[in-house]
Amino acid sequence: MKVLVTGAAGFIGSALSIRLLDRGDEVLGIDNHNDYYDSNLKEARLARHINHENYTHIRMDIEDGKAVKRLFKERQFDGVVNLAAQAGVRYSIENPLAYINTNIVGFGHILEGCRHSKIGHLVYASSSSVYGSNTKMPFSVHDNVDHPLSLYAASKKANELMAHTYSNLYDLPTTGLRFFTVYGPWGRPDMALFKFTKAMLAGEKIPVFNYGKHRRDFTYVDDIVEGVIRVLDRPAMPNPNWQGAQPDPGSSTAPWRVYNIGNNSPVELMDYIEALEEALGIEADKELLPLQPGDVPDTYADMNDLVAEFGYKPEMNVKHGVANFVAWYKQYHSL
């Protein structure tokens, strides 16, 4: 299979590229290598696979519509995985336009490329953030998600709606995956695990929001990648039982689907920190703070559809996953 992976120097994109290459696929990766966080980390991730004989890398931005159009015109792909995005709930509060430009305009360029190239399947990253004000647990794709709490969440909900129109109008199979708090080696420095590890090793306080009462469905990066590949291999199909009188938000009469992809096991933030303390052999100096604007107090993925349709089963528990991250962090920073 020939696969286009956008955001290929990113946390998930790089891990996905390696897995696809390992199974014999041909991968073309694109990434804009922006400075949202340390670009050296992106280069180090990319170095793991850039010289593979079946890998090609192009430094470009999905916001550049002409470049994206040219890419799809000159290359042929069987599938596309769109992981390029401006990430981060908190950053979206201060820099909203970055999310409009990349997550909405950029995604529109990818959809147009897929449409005109008649791509067999577009898989794209959505987010658990789309659940916003919903409090019914576990979060289900069959519940409405109309009350986002950040522009990041709104941009991901917009992606799902945009994809639906392309599936409906142009018969383009699209699948959105709502990622739940991805962590693991080679992770992003703006994520809590990276920040906490850095602070604890420096003897600094760690900020613990919502007084540590957050619950998150922390999902290990290898489990996420496994799910993405399983979904990529089976293009979205119309739901023959879909009814407009009782519309199911998770499926459609078009070849369009959305799925949760999490660990199906929410963990309280304090337990997550405890796993980190154990892995580092350091007790954290915690600064307990109120809930931040834009944050969702709890996330918990209803995984029934992904399990039933794809046999997906996450394997990594938080204790071992955090220990793996710490081992990588120390090696990467020569500690």
C-alpha atoms as a PDB file:
ATOM      1  CA  MET A   1       0.000   0.000   0.000  1.00  0.00           C
ATOM      2  CA  LYS A   2       1.184   3.538  -0.771  1.00  0.00           C
ATOM      3  CA  VAL A   3       0.289   5.803   2.133  1.00  0.00           C
ATOM      4  CA  LEU A   4       0.544   9.562   2.616  1.00  0.00           C
ATOM      5  CA  VAL A   5       1.149  10.443   6.272  1.00  0.00           C
ATOM      6  CA  THR A   6       0.843  14.119   7.165  1.00  0.00           C
ATOM      7  CA  GLY A   7       2.574  15.266  10.342  1.00  0.00           C
ATOM      8  CA  ALA A   8       5.168  12.532   9.771  1.00  0.00           C
ATOM      9  CA  ALA A   9       7.762  14.129  12.071  1.00  0.00           C
ATOM     10  CA  GLY A  10       5.197  14.351  14.841  1.00  0.00           C
ATOM     11  CA  PHE A  11       4.697  12.075  17.822  1.00  0.00           C
ATOM     12  CA  ILE A  12       2.070   9.771  16.322  1.00  0.00           C
ATOM     13  CA  GLY A  13       2.982  10.364  12.662  1.00  0.00           C
ATOM     14  CA  SER A  14       6.551   9.186  13.085  1.00  0.00           C
ATOM     15  CA  ALA A  15       5.510   6.084  15.052  1.00  0.00           C
ATOM     16  CA  LEU A  16       2.880   5.276  12.433  1.00  0.00           C
ATOM     17  CA  SER A  17       5.347   5.708   9.562  1.00  0.00           C
ATOM     18  CA  ILE A  18       7.741   3.223  11.179  1.00  0.00           C
ATOM     19  CA  ARG A  19       4.987   0.623  11.648  1.00  0.00           C
ATOM     20  CA  LEU A  20       3.791   1.004   8.060  1.00  0.00           C
ATOM     21  CA  LEU A  21       7.344   0.666   6.742  1.00  0.00           C
ATOM     22  CA  ASP A  22       7.945  -2.386   8.945  1.00  0.00           C
ATOM     23  CA  ARG A  23       5.030  -4.201   7.327  1.00  0.00           C
ATOM     24  CA  GLY A  24       6.196  -3.372   3.807  1.00  0.00           C
ATOM     25  CA  ASP A  25       4.143  -0.312   2.883  1.00  0.00           C
ATOM     26  CA  GLU A  26       5.502   2.614   0.904  1.00  0.00           C
ATOM     27  CA  VAL A  27       5.202   5.861   2.881  1.00  0.00           C
ATOM     28  CA  LEU A  28       5.432   9.474   1.815  1.00  0.00           C
ATOM     29  CA  GLY A  29       5.573  11.727   4.851  1.00  0.00           C
ATOM     30  CA  ILE A  30       5.050  15.466   4.956  1.00  0.00           C
ATOM     31  CA  ASP A  31       5.609  17.857   7.840  1.00  0.00           C
ATOM     32  CA  ASN A  32       6.090  21.608   8.143  1.00  0.00           C
ATOM     33  CA  HIS A  33       8.626  21.248  11.001  1.00  0.00           C
ATOM     34  CA  ASN A  34       7.197  24.305  12.739  1.00  0.00           C
ATOM     35  CA  ASP A  35       8.512  25.678  16.029  1.00  0.00           C
ATOM     36  CA  TYR A  36       5.458  24.975  18.205  1.00  0.00           C
ATOM     37  CA  TYR A  37       7.924  22.896  20.203  1.00  0.00           C
ATOM     38  CA  ASP A  38      11.614  21.967  19.896  1.00  0.00           C
ATOM     39  CA  SER A  39      12.265  21.127  16.250  1.00  0.00           C
ATOM     40  CA  ASN A  40      15.283  19.033  17.264  1.00  0.00           C
ATOM     41  CA  LEU A  41      12.891  16.451  18.696  1.00  0.00           C
ATOM     42  CA  LYS A  42      11.060  16.292  15.363  1.00  0.00           C
ATOM     43  CA  GLU A  43      14.352  15.817  13.530  1.00  0.00           C
ATOM     44  CA  ALA A  44      15.364  13.059  15.946  1.00  0.00           C
ATOM     45  CA  ARG A  45      12.050  11.246  15.442  1.00  0.00           C
ATOM     46  CA  LEU A  46      12.390  11.557  11.695  1.00  0.00           C
ATOM     47  CA  ALA A  47      15.971  10.258  11.749  1.00  0.00           C
ATOM     48  CA  ARG A  48      14.603   6.847  12.785  1.00  0.00           C
ATOM     49  CA  HIS A  49      12.985   6.286   9.390  1.00  0.00           C
ATOM     50  CA  ILE A  50      14.004   8.974   6.901  1.00  0.00           C
ATOM     51  CA  ASN A  51      16.625   6.743   5.263  1.00  0.00           C
ATOM     52  CA  HIS A  52      14.320   3.742   4.822  1.00  0.00           C
ATOM     53  CA  GLU A  53      14.214   2.676   1.178  1.00  0.00           C
ATOM     54  CA  ASN A  54      10.402   2.881   1.087  1.00  0.00           C
ATOM     55  CA  TYR A  55      10.160   6.272   2.790  1.00  0.00           C
ATOM     56  CA  THR A  56      10.112   9.711   1.165  1.00  0.00           C
ATOM     57  CA  HIS A  57       9.957  12.939   3.169  1.00  0.00           C
ATOM     58  CA  ILE A  58       8.790  16.351   1.987  1.00  0.00           C
ATOM     59  CA  ARG A  59       8.961  19.487   4.129  1.00  0.00           C
ATOM     60  CA  MET A  60       5.736  21.298   3.368  1.00  0.00           C
ATOM     61  CA  ASP A  61       2.715  22.798   5.072  1.00  0.00           C
ATOM     62  CA  ILE A  62      -0.844  21.594   4.477  1.00  0.00           C
ATOM     63  CA  GLU A  63      -1.859  25.260   4.711  1.00  0.00           C
ATOM     64  CA  ASP A  64      -0.143  25.692   1.319  1.00  0.00           C
ATOM     65  CA  GLY A  65      -2.998  24.762  -0.991  1.00  0.00           C
ATOM     66  CA  LYS A  66      -0.922  24.916  -4.176  1.00  0.00           C
ATOM     67  CA  ALA A  67       1.735  22.606  -2.734  1.00  0.00           C
ATOM     68  CA  VAL A  68      -0.867  20.096  -1.545  1.00  0.00           C
ATOM     69  CA  LYS A  69      -2.616  20.164  -4.926  1.00  0.00           C
ATOM     70  CA  ARG A  70       0.713  19.574  -6.688  1.00  0.00           C
ATOM     71  CA  LEU A  71       1.575  16.703  -4.338  1.00  0.00           C
ATOM     72  CA  PHE A  72      -1.645  14.831  -5.071  1.00  0.00           C
ATOM     73  CA  LYS A  73      -1.296  15.526  -8.794  1.00  0.00           C
ATOM     74  CA  GLU A  74       2.265  14.191  -8.986  1.00  0.00           C
ATOM     75  CA  ARG A  75       1.911  11.218  -6.611  1.00  0.00           C
ATOM     76  CA  GLN A  76      -0.550   8.385  -6.279  1.00  0.00           C
ATOM     77  CA  PHE A  77      -1.703   7.084  -2.894  1.00  0.00           C
ATOM     78  CA  ASP A  78      -3.914   4.221  -1.824  1.00  0.00           C
ATOM     79  CA  GLY A  79      -4.614   5.774   1.555  1.00  0.00           C
ATOM     80  CA  VAL A  80      -4.039   9.006   3.456  1.00  0.00           C
ATOM     81  CA  VAL A  81      -3.597   9.468   7.211  1.00  0.00           C
ATOM     82  CA  ASN A  82      -3.921  13.118   8.220  1.00  0.00           C
ATOM     83  CA  LEU A  83      -2.143  13.729  11.523  1.00  0.00           C
ATOM     84  CA  ALA A  84      -0.878  17.230  10.695  1.00  0.00           C
ATOM     85  CA  ALA A  85      -2.593  19.660  13.045  1.00  0.00           C
ATOM     86  CA  GLN A  86      -2.020  22.470  15.452  1.00  0.00           C
ATOM     87  CA  ALA A  87      -2.323  20.620  18.737  1.00  0.00           C
ATOM     88  CA  GLY A  88      -2.972  21.753  22.295  1.00  0.00           C
ATOM     89  CA  VAL A  89      -6.111  22.935  24.075  1.00  0.00           C
ATOM     90  CA  ARG A  90      -4.377  25.672  26.091  1.00  0.00           C
ATOM     91  CA  TYR A  91      -2.418  27.065  23.142  1.00  0.00           C
ATOM     92  CA  SER A  92      -5.714  27.458  21.248  1.00  0.00           C
ATOM     93  CA  ILE A  93      -6.951  29.953  23.841  1.00  0.00           C
ATOM     94  CA  GLU A  94      -4.024  32.280  23.154  1.00  0.00           C
ATOM     95  CA  ASN A  95      -3.486  31.593  19.433  1.00  0.00           C
ATOM     96  CA  PRO A  96      -6.862  30.750  17.889  1.00  0.00           C
ATOM     97  CA  LEU A  97      -5.978  31.644  14.305  1.00  0.00           C
ATOM     98  CA  ALA A  98      -3.280  28.954  14.172  1.00  0.00           C
ATOM     99  CA  TYR A  99      -6.068  26.381  14.569  1.00  0.00           C
ATOM    100  CA  ILE A 100      -8.225  27.906  11.849  1.00  0.00           C
ATOM    101  CA  ASN A 101      -5.308  27.951   9.396  1.00  0.00           C
ATOM    102  CA  THR A 102      -3.971  24.430   9.957  1.00  0.00           C
ATOM    103  CA  ASN A 103      -6.841  22.389  11.334  1.00  0.00           C
ATOM    104  CA  ILE A 104      -9.573  23.769   9.100  1.00  0.00           C
ATOM    105  CA  VAL A 105      -8.035  25.393   6.006  1.00  0.00           C
ATOM    106  CA  GLY A 106      -5.209  22.826   5.872  1.00  0.00           C
ATOM    107  CA  PHE A 107      -7.604  19.922   6.319  1.00  0.00           C
ATOM    108  CA  GLY A 108      -9.731  21.349   3.512  1.00  0.00           C
ATOM    109  CA  HIS A 109      -6.707  21.136   1.219  1.00  0.00           C
ATOM    110  CA  ILE A 110      -6.216  17.466   2.161  1.00  0.00           C
ATOM    111  CA  LEU A 111      -9.880  16.713   1.476  1.00  0.00           C
ATOM    112  CA  GLU A 112      -9.651  18.361  -1.932  1.00  0.00           C
ATOM    113  CA  GLY A 113      -6.529  16.363  -2.774  1.00  0.00           C
ATOM    114  CA  CYS A 114      -8.228  13.122  -1.754  1.00  0.00           C
ATOM    115  CA  ARG A 115     -11.336  14.001  -3.749  1.00  0.00           C
ATOM    116  CA  HIS A 116      -9.553  14.709  -7.007  1.00  0.00           C
ATOM    117  CA  SER A 117      -7.162  11.761  -6.650  1.00  0.00           C
ATOM    118  CA  LYS A 118      -9.989   9.371  -5.750  1.00  0.00           C
ATOM    119  CA  ILE A 119      -8.170   8.171  -2.625  1.00  0.00           C
ATOM    120  CA  GLY A 120      -9.380   4.806  -1.327  1.00  0.00           C
ATOM    121  CA  HIS A 121      -9.552   5.883   2.327  1.00  0.00           C
ATOM    122  CA  LEU A 122      -8.800   9.025   4.345  1.00  0.00           C
ATOM    123  CA  VAL A 123      -8.169   8.460   8.046  1.00  0.00           C
ATOM    124  CA  TYR A 124      -7.777  11.622  10.130  1.00  0.00           C
ATOM    125  CA  ALA A 125      -7.095  12.558  13.724  1.00  0.00           C
ATOM    126  CA  SER A 126     -10.010  13.892  15.699  1.00  0.00           C
ATOM    127  CA  SER A 127      -9.890  14.244  19.492  1.00  0.00           C
ATOM    128  CA  SER A 128     -11.625  13.350  22.743  1.00  0.00           C
ATOM    129  CA  SER A 129     -11.799  17.139  23.233  1.00  0.00           C
ATOM    130  CA  VAL A 130     -14.858  17.200  20.949  1.00  0.00           C
ATOM    131  CA  TYR A 131     -16.931  15.856  23.857  1.00  0.00           C
ATOM    132  CA  GLY A 132     -16.630  19.268  25.528  1.00  0.00           C
ATOM    133  CA  SER A 133     -19.423  19.793  28.058  1.00  0.00           C
ATOM    134  CA  ASN A 134     -20.702  16.203  27.801  1.00  0.00           C
ATOM    135  CA  THR A 135     -20.723  14.459  31.181  1.00  0.00           C
ATOM    136  CA  LYS A 136     -22.335  11.127  30.261  1.00  0.00           C
ATOM    137  CA  MET A 137     -19.627   8.472  30.679  1.00  0.00           C
ATOM    138  CA  PRO A 138     -18.117   6.694  28.894  1.00  0.00           C
ATOM    139  CA  PHE A 139     -18.021   9.097  25.951  1.00  0.00           C
ATOM    140  CA  SER A 140     -19.781   7.528  22.972  1.00  0.00           C
ATOM    141  CA  VAL A 141     -19.588   8.408  19.279  1.00  0.00           C
ATOM    142  CA  HIS A 142     -23.350   7.853  19.225  1.00  0.00           C
ATOM    143  CA  ASP A 143     -23.922  10.911  21.453  1.00  0.00           C
ATOM    144  CA  ASN A 144     -24.021  14.452  20.082  1.00  0.00           C
ATOM    145  CA  VAL A 145     -20.914  16.609  20.542  1.00  0.00           C
ATOM    146  CA  ASP A 146     -22.144  20.145  20.044  1.00  0.00           C
ATOM    147  CA  HIS A 147     -20.635  22.016  22.998  1.00  0.00           C
ATOM    148  CA  PRO A 148     -16.836  22.263  22.587  1.00  0.00           C
ATOM    149  CA  LEU A 149     -14.861  24.085  25.293  1.00  0.00           C
ATOM    150  CA  SER A 150     -11.900  25.242  23.170  1.00  0.00           C
ATOM    151  CA  LEU A 151     -11.243  26.252  19.589  1.00  0.00           C
ATOM    152  CA  TYR A 152      -9.006  23.190  19.281  1.00  0.00           C
ATOM    153  CA  ALA A 153     -12.024  20.999  20.072  1.00  0.00           C
ATOM    154  CA  ALA A 154     -14.214  23.017  17.690  1.00  0.00           C
ATOM    155  CA  SER A 155     -11.664  22.604  14.887  1.00  0.00           C
ATOM    156  CA  LYS A 156     -11.672  18.832  15.348  1.00  0.00           C
ATOM    157  CA  LYS A 157     -15.470  18.705  15.330  1.00  0.00           C
ATOM    158  CA  ALA A 158     -15.318  20.824  12.158  1.00  0.00           C
ATOM    159  CA  ASN A 159     -12.998  18.225  10.592  1.00  0.00           C
ATOM    160  CA  GLU A 160     -15.590  15.520  11.195  1.00  0.00           C
ATOM    161  CA  LEU A 161     -18.315  17.642   9.578  1.00  0.00           C
ATOM    162  CA  MET A 162     -16.112  18.605   6.629  1.00  0.00           C
ATOM    163  CA  ALA A 163     -15.187  14.952   6.070  1.00  0.00           C
ATOM    164  CA  HIS A 164     -18.864  13.990   6.116  1.00  0.00           C
ATOM    165  CA  THR A 165     -19.695  16.399   3.308  1.00  0.00           C
ATOM    166  CA  TYR A 166     -16.907  14.929   1.154  1.00  0.00           C
ATOM    167  CA  SER A 167     -18.027  11.384   1.931  1.00  0.00           C
ATOM    168  CA  ASN A 168     -21.592  12.338   1.039  1.00  0.00           C
ATOM    169  CA  LEU A 169     -20.928  14.438  -2.069  1.00  0.00           C
ATOM    170  CA  TYR A 170     -17.942  12.633  -3.580  1.00  0.00           C
ATOM    171  CA  ASP A 171     -18.220   9.110  -2.136  1.00  0.00           C
ATOM    172  CA  LEU A 172     -14.836   9.542  -0.427  1.00  0.00           C
ATOM    173  CA  PRO A 173     -14.450   7.001   2.415  1.00  0.00           C
ATOM    174  CA  THR A 174     -13.370   8.907   5.544  1.00  0.00           C
ATOM    175  CA  THR A 175     -12.817   7.786   9.117  1.00  0.00           C
ATOM    176  CA  GLY A 176     -12.182  10.114  12.051  1.00  0.00           C
ATOM    177  CA  LEU A 177     -10.420   8.763  15.121  1.00  0.00           C
ATOM    178  CA  ARG A 178     -11.014  10.559  18.399  1.00  0.00           C
ATOM    179  CA  PHE A 179      -7.681  10.118  20.176  1.00  0.00           C
ATOM    180  CA  PHE A 180      -7.727   9.985  23.978  1.00  0.00           C
ATOM    181  CA  THR A 181      -4.637  11.495  25.714  1.00  0.00           C
ATOM    182  CA  VAL A 182      -1.804   9.795  23.831  1.00  0.00           C
ATOM    183  CA  TYR A 183       1.499   9.318  25.690  1.00  0.00           C
ATOM    184  CA  GLY A 184       4.730   7.368  25.383  1.00  0.00           C
ATOM    185  CA  PRO A 185       8.344   7.629  24.146  1.00  0.00           C
ATOM    186  CA  TRP A 186       9.052  10.464  21.686  1.00  0.00           C
ATOM    187  CA  GLY A 187       6.022  12.361  23.008  1.00  0.00           C
ATOM    188  CA  ARG A 188       5.319  16.079  22.774  1.00  0.00           C
ATOM    189  CA  PRO A 189       7.054  18.440  25.235  1.00  0.00           C
ATOM    190  CA  ASP A 190       3.795  20.363  25.810  1.00  0.00           C
ATOM    191  CA  MET A 191       2.107  17.273  27.264  1.00  0.00           C
ATOM    192  CA  ALA A 192       1.844  16.758  31.023  1.00  0.00           C
ATOM    193  CA  LEU A 193       4.060  13.658  31.206  1.00  0.00           C
ATOM    194  CA  PHE A 194       6.959  15.433  29.477  1.00  0.00           C
ATOM    195  CA  LYS A 195       6.537  18.589  31.579  1.00  0.00           C
ATOM    196  CA  PHE A 196       6.227  16.682  34.849  1.00  0.00           C
ATOM    197  CA  THR A 197       9.308  14.560  34.141  1.00  0.00           C
ATOM    198  CA  LYS A 198      11.416  17.593  33.265  1.00  0.00           C
ATOM    199  CA  ALA A 199      10.280  19.510  36.357  1.00  0.00           C
ATOM    200  CA  MET A 200      10.719  16.600  38.778  1.00  0.00           C
ATOM    201  CA  LEU A 201      14.252  15.875  37.557  1.00  0.00           C
ATOM    202  CA  ALA A 202      15.059  19.576  38.051  1.00  0.00           C
ATOM    203  CA  GLY A 203      13.632  19.565  41.586  1.00  0.00           C
ATOM    204  CA  GLU A 204      10.828  21.942  40.605  1.00  0.00           C
ATOM    205  CA  LYS A 205       7.138  21.971  41.504  1.00  0.00           C
ATOM    206  CA  ILE A 206       4.652  20.446  39.081  1.00  0.00           C
ATOM    207  CA  PRO A 207       1.318  22.238  38.488  1.00  0.00           C
ATOM    208  CA  VAL A 208      -1.572  19.840  39.126  1.00  0.00           C
ATOM    209  CA  PHE A 209      -4.795  21.281  37.762  1.00  0.00           C
ATOM    210  CA  ASN A 210      -8.287  20.533  39.054  1.00  0.00           C
ATOM    211  CA  TYR A 211      -6.468  19.559  42.267  1.00  0.00           C
ATOM    212  CA  GLY A 212      -5.489  16.267  40.659  1.00  0.00           C
ATOM    213  CA  LYS A 213      -9.106  15.142  40.245  1.00  0.00           C
ATOM    214  CA  HIS A 214      -8.848  14.857  36.472  1.00  0.00           C
ATOM    215  CA  ARG A 215      -9.500  11.425  35.012  1.00  0.00           C
ATOM    216  CA  ARG A 216      -7.971  10.657  31.638  1.00  0.00           C
ATOM    217  CA  ASP A 217      -8.126   7.657  29.337  1.00  0.00           C
ATOM    218  CA  PHE A 218      -4.339   7.684  28.859  1.00  0.00           C
ATOM    219  CA  THR A 219      -3.511   5.715  25.702  1.00  0.00           C
ATOM    220  CA  TYR A 220      -0.044   4.443  24.799  1.00  0.00           C
ATOM    221  CA  VAL A 221       1.264   5.505  21.405  1.00  0.00           C
ATOM    222  CA  ASP A 222       1.832   1.928  20.155  1.00  0.00           C
ATOM    223  CA  ASP A 223      -1.802   1.084  20.904  1.00  0.00           C
ATOM    224  CA  ILE A 224      -2.945   4.189  19.026  1.00  0.00           C
ATOM    225  CA  VAL A 225      -0.829   3.254  15.993  1.00  0.00           C
ATOM    226  CA  GLU A 226      -2.212  -0.286  16.000  1.00  0.00           C
ATOM    227  CA  GLY A 227      -5.726   1.121  15.913  1.00  0.00           C
ATOM    228  CA  VAL A 228      -4.939   3.574  13.121  1.00  0.00           C
ATOM    229  CA  ILE A 229      -3.524   0.804  10.923  1.00  0.00           C
ATOM    230  CA  ARG A 230      -6.476  -1.502  11.515  1.00  0.00           C
ATOM    231  CA  VAL A 231      -8.860   1.273  10.525  1.00  0.00           C
ATOM    232  CA  LEU A 232      -6.785   2.366   7.516  1.00  0.00           C
ATOM    233  CA  ASP A 233      -6.951  -1.153   6.088  1.00  0.00           C
ATOM    234  CA  ARG A 234     -10.765  -1.169   6.111  1.00  0.00           C
ATOM    235  CA  PRO A 235     -12.298   1.848   4.345  1.00  0.00           C
ATOM    236  CA  ALA A 236     -15.414   3.355   5.893  1.00  0.00           C
ATOM    237  CA  MET A 237     -18.716   1.976   4.634  1.00  0.00           C
ATOM    238  CA  PRO A 238     -22.248   3.426   4.707  1.00  0.00           C
ATOM    239  CA  ASN A 239     -24.473   2.297   7.564  1.00  0.00           C
ATOM    240  CA  PRO A 240     -27.480   0.615   5.886  1.00  0.00           C
ATOM    241  CA  ASN A 241     -29.531   1.026   9.084  1.00  0.00           C
ATOM    242  CA  TRP A 242     -28.998   4.781   9.414  1.00  0.00           C
ATOM    243  CA  GLN A 243     -32.260   6.721   9.714  1.00  0.00           C
ATOM    244  CA  GLY A 244     -32.769  10.447   9.385  1.00  0.00           C
ATOM    245  CA  ALA A 245     -35.646  10.308  11.886  1.00  0.00           C
ATOM    246  CA  GLN A 246     -33.203   9.020  14.524  1.00  0.00           C
ATOM    247  CA  PRO A 247     -29.812  10.158  13.228  1.00  0.00           C
ATOM    248  CA  ASP A 248     -26.795   8.307  14.603  1.00  0.00           C
ATOM    249  CA  PRO A 249     -23.937  10.835  15.075  1.00  0.00           C
ATOM    250  CA  GLY A 250     -21.287   8.097  14.679  1.00  0.00           C
ATOM    251  CA  SER A 251     -22.226   6.785  11.234  1.00  0.00           C
ATOM    252  CA  SER A 252     -24.013   7.814   8.047  1.00  0.00           C
ATOM    253  CA  THR A 253     -25.623   6.791   4.779  1.00  0.00           C
ATOM    254  CA  ALA A 254     -22.304   8.004   3.309  1.00  0.00           C
ATOM    255  CA  PRO A 255     -18.981   6.097   3.664  1.00  0.00           C
ATOM    256  CA  TRP A 256     -18.149   8.044   6.841  1.00  0.00           C
ATOM    257  CA  ARG A 257     -17.408   6.894  10.363  1.00  0.00           C
ATOM    258  CA  VAL A 258     -15.967   8.208  13.605  1.00  0.00           C
ATOM    259  CA  TYR A 259     -14.515   6.048  16.385  1.00  0.00           C
ATOM    260  CA  ASN A 260     -13.105   6.570  19.840  1.00  0.00           C
ATOM    261  CA  ILE A 261      -9.601   5.228  20.261  1.00  0.00           C
ATOM    262  CA  GLY A 262      -8.511   5.106  23.882  1.00  0.00           C
ATOM    263  CA  ASN A 263      -7.408   2.704  26.580  1.00  0.00           C
ATOM    264  CA  ASN A 264     -10.930   2.031  27.879  1.00  0.00           C
ATOM    265  CA  SER A 265      -9.575   2.488  31.409  1.00  0.00           C
ATOM    266  CA  PRO A 266      -9.636   6.031  32.854  1.00  0.00           C
ATOM    267  CA  VAL A 267      -6.913   6.864  35.375  1.00  0.00           C
ATOM    268  CA  GLU A 268      -6.962   9.693  37.907  1.00  0.00           C
ATOM    269  CA  LEU A 269      -4.197  12.232  37.359  1.00  0.00           C
ATOM    270  CA  MET A 270      -2.775  11.565  40.843  1.00  0.00           C
ATOM    271  CA  ASP A 271      -2.353   7.873  39.958  1.00  0.00           C
ATOM    272  CA  TYR A 272      -0.606   8.883  36.731  1.00  0.00           C
ATOM    273  CA  ILE A 273       1.766  11.065  38.751  1.00  0.00           C
ATOM    274  CA  GLU A 274       2.316   8.194  41.196  1.00  0.00           C
ATOM    275  CA  ALA A 275       3.400   5.957  38.300  1.00  0.00           C
ATOM    276  CA  LEU A 276       5.844   8.682  37.242  1.00  0.00           C
ATOM    277  CA  GLU A 277       7.181   9.043  40.793  1.00  0.00           C
ATOM    278  CA  GLU A 278       7.795   5.294  40.916  1.00  0.00           C
ATOM    279  CA  ALA A 279       9.555   5.273  37.525  1.00  0.00           C
ATOM    280  CA  LEU A 280      11.784   8.230  38.452  1.00  0.00           C
ATOM    281  CA  GLY A 281      12.313   7.303  42.095  1.00  0.00           C
ATOM    282  CA  ILE A 282      11.391  10.888  43.007  1.00  0.00           C
ATOM    283  CA  GLU A 283       8.433  12.229  44.980  1.00  0.00           C
ATOM    284  CA  ALA A 284       6.779  15.097  43.133  1.00  0.00           C
ATOM    285  CA  ASP A 285       6.387  18.507  44.764  1.00  0.00           C
ATOM    286  CA  LYS A 286       2.801  19.218  43.699  1.00  0.00           C
ATOM    287  CA  GLU A 287       1.175  22.625  43.332  1.00  0.00           C
ATOM    288  CA  LEU A 288      -2.576  21.983  43.404  1.00  0.00           C
ATOM    289  CA  LEU A 289      -4.483  24.393  41.153  1.00  0.00           C
ATOM    290  CA  PRO A 290      -8.084  24.860  39.925  1.00  0.00           C
ATOM    291  CA  LEU A 291      -9.399  23.586  36.588  1.00  0.00           C
ATOM    292  CA  GLN A 292      -7.994  25.497  33.628  1.00  0.00           C
ATOM    293  CA  PRO A 293     -10.231  27.204  31.044  1.00  0.00           C
ATOM    294  CA  GLY A 294     -10.966  24.916  28.103  1.00  0.00           C
ATOM    295  CA  ASP A 295     -10.119  21.723  29.997  1.00  0.00           C
ATOM    296  CA  VAL A 296     -12.474  18.749  30.214  1.00  0.00           C
ATOM    297  CA  PRO A 297     -12.515  17.315  33.777  1.00  0.00           C
ATOM    298  CA  ASP A 298     -12.795  13.650  32.735  1.00  0.00           C
ATOM    299  CA  THR A 299     -12.399  11.551  29.605  1.00  0.00           C
ATOM    300  CA  TYR A 300     -13.407   7.923  29.207  1.00  0.00           C
ATOM    301  CA  ALA A 301     -13.738   6.254  25.817  1.00  0.00           C
ATOM    302  CA  ASP A 302     -16.574   3.920  24.890  1.00  0.00           C
ATOM    303  CA  MET A 303     -14.605   1.547  22.673  1.00  0.00           C
ATOM    304  CA  ASN A 304     -17.343  -0.929  21.797  1.00  0.00           C
ATOM    305  CA  ASP A 305     -17.459  -0.134  18.071  1.00  0.00           C
ATOM    306  CA  LEU A 306     -13.699  -0.245  17.521  1.00  0.00           C
ATOM    307  CA  VAL A 307     -13.405  -3.500  19.461  1.00  0.00           C
ATOM    308  CA  ALA A 308     -16.364  -5.160  17.711  1.00  0.00           C
ATOM    309  CA  GLU A 309     -15.509  -4.064  14.169  1.00  0.00           C
ATOM    310  CA  PHE A 310     -11.698  -4.157  14.215  1.00  0.00           C
ATOM    311  CA  GLY A 311     -10.753  -6.442  17.115  1.00  0.00           C
ATOM    312  CA  TYR A 312      -8.871  -3.536  18.679  1.00  0.00           C
ATOM    313  CA  LYS A 313      -7.556  -4.158  22.184  1.00  0.00           C
ATOM    314  CA  PRO A 314      -5.109  -1.784  23.885  1.00  0.00           C
ATOM    315  CA  GLU A 315      -2.324  -3.675  25.635  1.00  0.00           C
ATOM    316  CA  MET A 316      -0.241  -1.156  27.606  1.00  0.00           C
ATOM    317  CA  ASN A 317      -1.158  -0.188  31.164  1.00  0.00           C
ATOM    318  CA  VAL A 318      -0.176   3.201  32.556  1.00  0.00           C
ATOM    319  CA  LYS A 319       2.470   1.925  34.985  1.00  0.00           C
ATOM    320  CA  HIS A 320       4.522   0.211  32.273  1.00  0.00           C
ATOM    321  CA  GLY A 321       3.800   2.895  29.680  1.00  0.00           C
ATOM    322  CA  VAL A 322       5.076   5.671  31.957  1.00  0.00           C
ATOM    323  CA  ALA A 323       8.151   3.585  32.818  1.00  0.00           C
ATOM    324  CA  ASN A 324       8.879   3.203  29.087  1.00  0.00           C
ATOM    325  CA  PHE A 325       8.587   6.958  28.634  1.00  0.00           C
ATOM    326  CA  VAL A 326      10.980   7.657  31.499  1.00  0.00           C
ATOM    327  CA  ALA A 327      13.541   5.196  30.117  1.00  0.00           C
ATOM    328  CA  TRP A 328      13.344   6.923  26.721  1.00  0.00           C
ATOM    329  CA  TYR A 329      13.479  10.413  28.260  1.00  0.00           C
ATOM    330  CA  LYS A 330      16.655   9.633  30.179  1.00  0.00           C
ATOM    331  CA  GLN A 331      18.303   8.070  27.148  1.00  0.00           C
ATOM    332  CA  TYR A 332      17.275  10.924  24.822  1.00  0.00           C
ATOM    333  CA  HIS A 333      18.611  13.552  27.233  1.00  0.00           C
ATOM    334  CA  SER A 334      21.690  11.467  28.173  1.00  0.00           C
ATOM    335  CA  LEU A 335      20.756  11.442  31.866  1.00  0.00           C
END
